[in-house]
């Protein structure tokens, strides 16, 4: 189902990080950054959508990291570490003969975990 394609990766929370700052919801932003820093994991046995995780989760973590660096004095870079972890897991999907990424990738086994590349 859709949850598997998105890896149950707290997509709505990651997606909302920039909006929370834009709307001035700094207590909620601080809570979201802390929660993601402590709980978001990508070491899951699941095949995911390369596009959705790249554009929404990786992009959301990167923009959240930049905002947290500016807005939260106590922030120490955890969202960037999460983004680096996810990026390394997605990278194999971009190693293709055509230069276009595969549509799916397995989060722990890379392309070896995808039945029909």
N, C-alpha and C. Protein backbone atom coordinates (compact mmCIF):
# COMPACT_ATOMS: atom_id res chain seq x y z
N UNK A 1 0.80 -1.18 0.00
CA UNK A 1 0.00 0.00 0.00
C UNK A 1 0.85 1.26 0.00
N UNK A 2 0.19 2.37 0.08
CA UNK A 2 0.87 3.67 0.05
C UNK A 2 1.84 3.82 1.20
N UNK A 3 1.49 3.32 2.39
CA UNK A 3 2.40 3.43 3.52
C UNK A 3 3.73 2.75 3.23
N UNK A 4 3.68 1.61 2.57
CA UNK A 4 4.92 0.90 2.25
C UNK A 4 5.73 1.69 1.23
N UNK A 5 5.06 2.25 0.22
CA UNK A 5 5.76 3.02 -0.81
C UNK A 5 6.47 4.22 -0.21
N UNK A 6 5.88 4.79 0.82
CA UNK A 6 6.47 5.96 1.47
C UNK A 6 7.27 5.57 2.71
N UNK A 7 7.37 4.32 3.00
CA UNK A 7 8.18 3.73 4.07
C UNK A 7 7.74 4.11 5.47
N UNK A 8 6.50 4.55 5.64
CA UNK A 8 6.05 5.00 6.96
C UNK A 8 7.07 5.98 7.55
N UNK A 9 7.51 6.93 6.74
CA UNK A 9 8.60 7.82 7.13
C UNK A 9 8.13 9.17 7.63
N UNK A 10 7.01 9.18 8.34
CA UNK A 10 6.52 10.42 8.93
C UNK A 10 6.41 11.53 7.90
N UNK A 11 5.91 11.17 6.73
CA UNK A 11 5.86 12.09 5.60
C UNK A 11 5.15 13.39 5.92
N UNK A 12 4.00 13.34 6.55
CA UNK A 12 3.26 14.56 6.85
C UNK A 12 4.04 15.48 7.77
N UNK A 13 4.69 14.91 8.76
CA UNK A 13 5.48 15.72 9.69
C UNK A 13 6.67 16.36 8.97
N UNK A 14 7.38 15.59 8.16
CA UNK A 14 8.51 16.14 7.40
C UNK A 14 8.02 17.21 6.44
N UNK A 15 6.93 16.93 5.74
CA UNK A 15 6.35 17.89 4.79
C UNK A 15 5.94 19.20 5.45
N UNK A 16 5.58 19.15 6.71
CA UNK A 16 5.06 20.33 7.39
C UNK A 16 6.12 21.23 8.00
N UNK A 17 7.37 20.80 8.02
CA UNK A 17 8.40 21.57 8.73
C UNK A 17 8.49 23.01 8.25
N UNK A 18 8.58 23.23 6.94
CA UNK A 18 8.70 24.60 6.44
C UNK A 18 7.42 25.41 6.70
N UNK A 19 6.28 24.76 6.58
CA UNK A 19 5.01 25.45 6.84
C UNK A 19 4.91 25.90 8.29
N UNK A 20 5.36 25.07 9.20
CA UNK A 20 5.31 25.45 10.62
C UNK A 20 6.10 26.73 10.86
N UNK A 21 7.25 26.86 10.23
CA UNK A 21 8.05 28.08 10.38
C UNK A 21 7.34 29.25 9.72
N UNK A 22 6.84 29.06 8.50
CA UNK A 22 6.16 30.14 7.79
C UNK A 22 4.94 30.65 8.55
N UNK A 23 4.26 29.76 9.25
CA UNK A 23 3.06 30.14 10.00
C UNK A 23 3.38 30.61 11.42
N UNK A 24 4.67 30.67 11.75
CA UNK A 24 5.07 31.14 13.08
C UNK A 24 4.80 30.16 14.20
N UNK A 25 4.68 28.89 13.88
CA UNK A 25 4.39 27.85 14.89
C UNK A 25 5.70 27.25 15.40
N UNK A 26 6.50 28.08 16.04
CA UNK A 26 7.86 27.67 16.42
C UNK A 26 7.88 26.57 17.48
N UNK A 27 6.93 26.56 18.41
CA UNK A 27 6.89 25.47 19.39
C UNK A 27 6.61 24.14 18.70
N UNK A 28 5.70 24.15 17.71
CA UNK A 28 5.40 22.94 16.95
C UNK A 28 6.59 22.54 16.09
N UNK A 29 7.27 23.51 15.49
CA UNK A 29 8.47 23.23 14.69
C UNK A 29 9.54 22.59 15.57
N UNK A 30 9.78 23.16 16.73
CA UNK A 30 10.78 22.63 17.66
C UNK A 30 10.42 21.19 18.04
N UNK A 31 9.15 20.95 18.36
CA UNK A 31 8.71 19.60 18.71
C UNK A 31 8.92 18.64 17.53
N UNK A 32 8.55 19.06 16.32
CA UNK A 32 8.68 18.20 15.14
C UNK A 32 10.14 17.85 14.88
N UNK A 33 11.01 18.84 14.96
CA UNK A 33 12.44 18.60 14.74
C UNK A 33 12.97 17.62 15.78
N UNK A 34 12.60 17.82 17.03
CA UNK A 34 13.06 16.92 18.09
C UNK A 34 12.52 15.51 17.87
N UNK A 35 11.22 15.41 17.55
CA UNK A 35 10.63 14.09 17.37
C UNK A 35 11.29 13.36 16.20
N UNK A 36 11.44 14.03 15.07
CA UNK A 36 12.08 13.41 13.91
C UNK A 36 13.52 13.02 14.22
N UNK A 37 14.22 13.89 14.92
CA UNK A 37 15.62 13.62 15.27
C UNK A 37 15.75 12.34 16.09
N UNK A 38 14.80 12.10 16.95
CA UNK A 38 14.86 10.96 17.86
C UNK A 38 14.20 9.69 17.32
N UNK A 39 13.25 9.84 16.38
CA UNK A 39 12.43 8.68 16.01
C UNK A 39 12.47 8.26 14.55
N UNK A 40 12.83 9.13 13.64
CA UNK A 40 12.79 8.78 12.22
C UNK A 40 13.93 7.84 11.86
N UNK A 41 13.60 6.70 11.30
CA UNK A 41 14.58 5.69 10.90
C UNK A 41 14.26 5.20 9.48
N UNK A 42 15.30 4.91 8.74
CA UNK A 42 15.11 4.41 7.37
C UNK A 42 15.61 2.99 7.19
N UNK A 43 16.06 2.32 8.23
CA UNK A 43 16.54 0.94 8.11
C UNK A 43 15.35 0.00 8.17
N UNK A 44 14.55 0.05 7.10
CA UNK A 44 13.32 -0.73 7.04
C UNK A 44 13.36 -1.67 5.85
N UNK A 45 12.77 -2.83 6.03
CA UNK A 45 12.70 -3.85 4.99
C UNK A 45 11.50 -3.56 4.09
N UNK A 46 11.67 -2.57 3.19
CA UNK A 46 10.56 -2.15 2.36
C UNK A 46 11.06 -1.54 1.04
N UNK A 47 10.30 -1.78 -0.02
CA UNK A 47 10.56 -1.15 -1.32
C UNK A 47 9.76 0.14 -1.35
N UNK A 48 10.43 1.24 -1.71
CA UNK A 48 9.79 2.56 -1.67
C UNK A 48 9.84 3.24 -3.03
N UNK A 49 9.04 4.27 -3.17
CA UNK A 49 9.05 5.12 -4.35
C UNK A 49 10.26 6.05 -4.28
N UNK A 50 11.16 5.90 -5.22
CA UNK A 50 12.35 6.77 -5.26
C UNK A 50 11.94 8.23 -5.36
N UNK A 51 11.00 8.53 -6.23
CA UNK A 51 10.57 9.91 -6.44
C UNK A 51 9.98 10.51 -5.18
N UNK A 52 9.01 9.83 -4.57
CA UNK A 52 8.34 10.39 -3.39
C UNK A 52 9.30 10.61 -2.24
N UNK A 53 10.15 9.64 -1.97
CA UNK A 53 11.09 9.82 -0.86
C UNK A 53 12.14 10.87 -1.18
N UNK A 54 12.55 10.96 -2.43
CA UNK A 54 13.55 11.95 -2.81
C UNK A 54 12.99 13.36 -2.70
N UNK A 55 11.85 13.57 -3.31
CA UNK A 55 11.31 14.93 -3.41
C UNK A 55 10.69 15.40 -2.10
N UNK A 56 9.98 14.51 -1.42
CA UNK A 56 9.23 14.93 -0.24
C UNK A 56 9.99 14.73 1.06
N UNK A 57 10.55 13.57 1.26
CA UNK A 57 11.21 13.31 2.54
C UNK A 57 12.64 13.87 2.54
N UNK A 58 13.44 13.53 1.54
CA UNK A 58 14.80 14.07 1.49
C UNK A 58 14.77 15.59 1.39
N UNK A 59 13.94 16.11 0.49
CA UNK A 59 13.82 17.57 0.36
C UNK A 59 13.30 18.23 1.62
N UNK A 60 12.33 17.62 2.27
CA UNK A 60 11.79 18.16 3.51
C UNK A 60 12.80 18.16 4.64
N UNK A 61 13.59 17.10 4.72
CA UNK A 61 14.63 17.05 5.75
C UNK A 61 15.69 18.12 5.52
N UNK A 62 16.06 18.31 4.25
CA UNK A 62 17.08 19.33 3.95
C UNK A 62 16.58 20.74 4.24
N UNK A 63 15.35 21.05 3.83
CA UNK A 63 14.83 22.39 4.12
C UNK A 63 14.59 22.55 5.62
N UNK A 64 14.12 21.48 6.28
CA UNK A 64 13.94 21.53 7.73
C UNK A 64 15.26 21.76 8.44
N UNK A 65 16.32 21.14 7.95
CA UNK A 65 17.65 21.34 8.53
C UNK A 65 18.08 22.80 8.41
N UNK A 66 17.93 23.37 7.23
CA UNK A 66 18.33 24.77 7.03
C UNK A 66 17.54 25.71 7.94
N UNK A 67 16.24 25.46 8.06
CA UNK A 67 15.42 26.29 8.93
C UNK A 67 15.78 26.10 10.40
N UNK A 68 16.02 24.86 10.80
CA UNK A 68 16.37 24.59 12.19
C UNK A 68 17.70 25.25 12.56
N UNK A 69 18.64 25.26 11.63
CA UNK A 69 19.93 25.92 11.91
C UNK A 69 19.74 27.40 12.20
N UNK A 70 18.79 28.01 11.51
CA UNK A 70 18.56 29.45 11.69
C UNK A 70 17.64 29.77 12.88
N UNK A 71 16.70 28.90 13.16
CA UNK A 71 15.64 29.22 14.12
C UNK A 71 15.78 28.57 15.49
N UNK A 72 16.55 27.49 15.58
CA UNK A 72 16.63 26.75 16.85
C UNK A 72 18.08 26.71 17.34
N UNK A 73 18.42 27.54 18.31
CA UNK A 73 19.80 27.58 18.80
C UNK A 73 20.30 26.23 19.31
N UNK A 74 19.39 25.41 19.81
CA UNK A 74 19.79 24.12 20.38
C UNK A 74 19.98 23.02 19.33
N UNK A 75 19.63 23.30 18.08
CA UNK A 75 19.68 22.30 17.00
C UNK A 75 21.13 21.93 16.68
N UNK A 76 21.39 20.63 16.51
CA UNK A 76 22.74 20.14 16.27
C UNK A 76 22.90 19.32 14.99
N UNK A 77 22.00 19.48 14.03
CA UNK A 77 22.21 18.86 12.72
C UNK A 77 21.60 17.49 12.50
N UNK A 78 20.70 17.06 13.38
CA UNK A 78 20.15 15.71 13.25
C UNK A 78 19.36 15.51 11.95
N UNK A 79 18.66 16.54 11.48
CA UNK A 79 17.89 16.36 10.24
C UNK A 79 18.82 16.17 9.04
N UNK A 80 19.96 16.83 9.05
CA UNK A 80 20.94 16.63 7.98
C UNK A 80 21.48 15.21 8.02
N UNK A 81 21.73 14.69 9.19
CA UNK A 81 22.19 13.30 9.31
C UNK A 81 21.14 12.33 8.78
N UNK A 82 19.87 12.61 9.07
CA UNK A 82 18.78 11.77 8.54
C UNK A 82 18.73 11.86 7.01
N UNK A 83 18.91 13.07 6.48
CA UNK A 83 18.89 13.26 5.03
C UNK A 83 20.06 12.52 4.38
N UNK A 84 21.23 12.57 4.99
CA UNK A 84 22.39 11.85 4.44
C UNK A 84 22.14 10.35 4.45
N UNK A 85 21.54 9.85 5.52
CA UNK A 85 21.21 8.42 5.60
C UNK A 85 20.23 8.04 4.49
N UNK A 86 19.17 8.80 4.36
CA UNK A 86 18.18 8.50 3.31
C UNK A 86 18.81 8.63 1.92
N UNK A 87 19.56 9.68 1.69
CA UNK A 87 20.20 9.87 0.39
C UNK A 87 21.09 8.71 0.01
N UNK A 88 21.84 8.20 0.96
CA UNK A 88 22.71 7.05 0.65
C UNK A 88 21.89 5.81 0.32
N UNK A 89 20.72 5.69 0.91
CA UNK A 89 19.85 4.55 0.62
C UNK A 89 19.17 4.68 -0.75
N UNK A 90 18.90 5.91 -1.17
CA UNK A 90 18.27 6.13 -2.47
C UNK A 90 19.27 6.15 -3.62
N UNK A 91 20.53 6.39 -3.33
CA UNK A 91 21.55 6.62 -4.37
C UNK A 91 21.63 5.52 -5.41
N UNK A 92 21.50 4.28 -4.97
CA UNK A 92 21.63 3.16 -5.91
C UNK A 92 20.57 3.21 -7.01
N UNK A 93 19.42 3.78 -6.74
CA UNK A 93 18.35 3.87 -7.74
C UNK A 93 18.74 4.83 -8.87
N UNK A 94 19.74 5.68 -8.63
CA UNK A 94 20.17 6.64 -9.65
C UNK A 94 21.32 6.11 -10.50
N UNK A 95 21.83 4.94 -10.18
CA UNK A 95 22.91 4.32 -10.94
C UNK A 95 22.29 3.45 -12.03
N UNK A 96 21.92 4.09 -13.14
CA UNK A 96 21.20 3.40 -14.21
C UNK A 96 21.91 3.63 -15.55
N UNK A 97 21.65 2.76 -16.52
CA UNK A 97 22.26 2.95 -17.84
C UNK A 97 21.76 4.20 -18.57
N UNK A 98 20.56 4.62 -18.26
CA UNK A 98 19.97 5.76 -18.96
C UNK A 98 20.19 7.09 -18.26
N UNK A 99 20.57 7.04 -17.00
CA UNK A 99 20.70 8.27 -16.22
C UNK A 99 19.40 8.65 -15.52
N UNK A 100 18.31 8.00 -15.86
CA UNK A 100 17.03 8.21 -15.18
C UNK A 100 16.93 7.21 -14.04
N UNK A 101 16.49 7.64 -12.87
CA UNK A 101 16.46 6.71 -11.73
C UNK A 101 15.39 5.64 -11.88
N UNK A 102 15.65 4.50 -11.24
CA UNK A 102 14.63 3.48 -11.13
C UNK A 102 13.50 4.03 -10.28
N UNK A 103 12.29 3.57 -10.53
CA UNK A 103 11.14 4.12 -9.82
C UNK A 103 11.06 3.65 -8.38
N UNK A 104 11.68 2.52 -8.08
CA UNK A 104 11.61 1.98 -6.72
C UNK A 104 12.99 1.52 -6.27
N UNK A 105 13.18 1.53 -4.97
CA UNK A 105 14.42 1.04 -4.37
C UNK A 105 14.09 0.46 -3.00
N UNK A 106 14.83 -0.55 -2.61
CA UNK A 106 14.65 -1.15 -1.29
C UNK A 106 15.53 -0.38 -0.30
N UNK A 107 14.98 -0.02 0.85
CA UNK A 107 15.72 0.83 1.78
C UNK A 107 16.92 0.17 2.44
N UNK A 108 16.93 -1.16 2.54
CA UNK A 108 18.10 -1.79 3.15
C UNK A 108 18.90 -2.63 2.16
N UNK A 109 18.30 -3.04 1.05
CA UNK A 109 19.01 -3.89 0.09
C UNK A 109 19.26 -3.21 -1.25
N UNK A 110 18.90 -1.94 -1.36
CA UNK A 110 19.12 -1.23 -2.62
C UNK A 110 18.34 -1.86 -3.77
N UNK A 111 18.95 -1.95 -4.92
CA UNK A 111 18.27 -2.50 -6.09
C UNK A 111 18.16 -4.02 -6.00
N UNK A 112 18.95 -4.66 -5.16
CA UNK A 112 18.84 -6.12 -4.98
C UNK A 112 17.50 -6.51 -4.38
N UNK A 113 16.86 -5.60 -3.69
CA UNK A 113 15.58 -5.90 -3.06
C UNK A 113 14.36 -5.56 -3.89
N UNK A 114 14.59 -5.10 -5.14
CA UNK A 114 13.47 -4.70 -6.01
C UNK A 114 13.23 -5.81 -7.02
N UNK A 115 12.05 -6.43 -7.01
CA UNK A 115 11.79 -7.57 -7.90
C UNK A 115 11.93 -7.24 -9.40
N UNK A 116 11.22 -6.22 -9.89
CA UNK A 116 11.31 -5.88 -11.33
C UNK A 116 11.83 -4.46 -11.44
N UNK A 117 13.10 -4.35 -11.65
CA UNK A 117 13.69 -3.02 -11.79
C UNK A 117 13.04 -2.37 -12.96
